[in-house]
Amino acid sequence: MSRAREGFTLVETLVIVAVIGLIASIAIPIVLRSRCSGSDAPAIGAAPAIISAHDDYRPDGSSRVPQP
């Protein structure tokens, strides 16, 4: 009376879909956050050069930058 299994049951398939959905809902925000912070890296790297240029441009130690 034993019957050979030929595939997945509906419950097994729904559990797999739910687990994949749960993993995706955790992973997608993490990936998007890392992409955004990665695009900020060049600007963060240029900050010391911008500060140095600002310090060189302002006249005689004042805190204001002259208008062109």
C-alpha atoms as a PDB file:
ATOM      1  CA  MET A   1       0.000   0.000   0.000  1.00  0.00           C
ATOM      2  CA  SER A   2       2.932   2.371  -0.136  1.00  0.00           C
ATOM      3  CA  ARG A   3       2.850   4.964  -2.825  1.00  0.00           C
ATOM      4  CA  ALA A   4       5.971   6.614  -4.228  1.00  0.00           C
ATOM      5  CA  ARG A   5       6.240  10.378  -3.637  1.00  0.00           C
ATOM      6  CA  GLU A   6       6.384  12.282  -6.875  1.00  0.00           C
ATOM      7  CA  GLY A   7       6.639  15.907  -5.745  1.00  0.00           C
ATOM      8  CA  PHE A   8       6.086  18.479  -3.059  1.00  0.00           C
ATOM      9  CA  THR A   9       2.797  18.988  -1.286  1.00  0.00           C
ATOM     10  CA  LEU A  10       1.057  22.346  -1.283  1.00  0.00           C
ATOM     11  CA  VAL A  11       2.002  22.980   2.354  1.00  0.00           C
ATOM     12  CA  GLU A  12       5.680  22.289   1.685  1.00  0.00           C
ATOM     13  CA  THR A  13       5.655  24.652  -1.286  1.00  0.00           C
ATOM     14  CA  LEU A  14       3.947  27.418   0.710  1.00  0.00           C
ATOM     15  CA  VAL A  15       6.465  27.047   3.532  1.00  0.00           C
ATOM     16  CA  ILE A  16       9.349  27.389   1.068  1.00  0.00           C
ATOM     17  CA  VAL A  17       7.776  30.493  -0.493  1.00  0.00           C
ATOM     18  CA  ALA A  18       7.246  32.017   2.960  1.00  0.00           C
ATOM     19  CA  VAL A  19      10.857  31.374   3.989  1.00  0.00           C
ATOM     20  CA  ILE A  20      12.178  32.910   0.747  1.00  0.00           C
ATOM     21  CA  GLY A  21       9.927  35.941   1.281  1.00  0.00           C
ATOM     22  CA  LEU A  22      11.169  36.354   4.845  1.00  0.00           C
ATOM     23  CA  ILE A  23      14.811  36.181   3.779  1.00  0.00           C
ATOM     24  CA  ALA A  24      14.183  38.681   0.967  1.00  0.00           C
ATOM     25  CA  SER A  25      12.409  41.102   3.311  1.00  0.00           C
ATOM     26  CA  ILE A  26      15.466  41.088   5.560  1.00  0.00           C
ATOM     27  CA  ALA A  27      18.113  41.222   2.817  1.00  0.00           C
ATOM     28  CA  ILE A  28      16.704  43.882   0.462  1.00  0.00           C
ATOM     29  CA  PRO A  29      16.876  46.843   2.910  1.00  0.00           C
ATOM     30  CA  ILE A  30      20.414  45.874   3.903  1.00  0.00           C
ATOM     31  CA  VAL A  31      21.550  45.789   0.281  1.00  0.00           C
ATOM     32  CA  LEU A  32      19.896  49.130  -0.506  1.00  0.00           C
ATOM     33  CA  ARG A  33      21.454  50.758   2.569  1.00  0.00           C
ATOM     34  CA  SER A  34      24.921  49.534   1.591  1.00  0.00           C
ATOM     35  CA  ARG A  35      24.485  50.859  -1.955  1.00  0.00           C
ATOM     36  CA  CYS A  36      23.554  54.307  -0.642  1.00  0.00           C
ATOM     37  CA  SER A  37      26.475  54.465   1.764  1.00  0.00           C
ATOM     38  CA  GLY A  38      28.811  53.255  -0.973  1.00  0.00           C
ATOM     39  CA  SER A  39      27.826  56.149  -3.216  1.00  0.00           C
ATOM     40  CA  ASP A  40      28.725  58.593  -0.411  1.00  0.00           C
ATOM     41  CA  ALA A  41      32.300  57.312  -0.159  1.00  0.00           C
ATOM     42  CA  PRO A  42      33.838  59.629  -2.802  1.00  0.00           C
ATOM     43  CA  ALA A  43      32.313  62.690  -1.152  1.00  0.00           C
ATOM     44  CA  ILE A  44      33.582  61.637   2.268  1.00  0.00           C
ATOM     45  CA  GLY A  45      37.031  61.023   0.803  1.00  0.00           C
ATOM     46  CA  ALA A  46      37.119  64.513  -0.745  1.00  0.00           C
ATOM     47  CA  ALA A  47      36.208  66.291   2.506  1.00  0.00           C
ATOM     48  CA  PRO A  48      39.805  66.895   3.692  1.00  0.00           C
ATOM     49  CA  ALA A  49      40.721  68.480   0.348  1.00  0.00           C
ATOM     50  CA  ILE A  50      37.658  70.729   0.475  1.00  0.00           C
ATOM     51  CA  ILE A  51      38.481  71.816   4.032  1.00  0.00           C
ATOM     52  CA  SER A  52      42.083  72.514   3.061  1.00  0.00           C
ATOM     53  CA  ALA A  53      41.017  74.574   0.043  1.00  0.00           C
ATOM     54  CA  HIS A  54      38.597  76.508   2.230  1.00  0.00           C
ATOM     55  CA  ASP A  55      41.341  77.227   4.770  1.00  0.00           C
ATOM     56  CA  ASP A  56      43.706  78.391   2.000  1.00  0.00           C
ATOM     57  CA  TYR A  57      41.098  80.640   0.407  1.00  0.00           C
ATOM     58  CA  ARG A  58      39.853  82.586   3.396  1.00  0.00           C
ATOM     59  CA  PRO A  59      41.871  85.738   4.019  1.00  0.00           C
ATOM     60  CA  ASP A  60      43.921  86.397   7.155  1.00  0.00           C
ATOM     61  CA  GLY A  61      42.335  83.861   9.449  1.00  0.00           C
ATOM     62  CA  SER A  62      38.769  85.160   9.358  1.00  0.00           C
ATOM     63  CA  SER A  63      35.979  82.649   9.436  1.00  0.00           C
ATOM     64  CA  ARG A  64      34.156  84.092   6.424  1.00  0.00           C
ATOM     65  CA  VAL A  65      34.908  83.228   2.818  1.00  0.00           C
ATOM     66  CA  PRO A  66      35.001  86.324   0.570  1.00  0.00           C
ATOM     67  CA  GLN A  67      32.299  86.565  -2.069  1.00  0.00           C
ATOM     68  CA  PRO A  68      33.485  86.439  -5.724  1.00  0.00           C
END
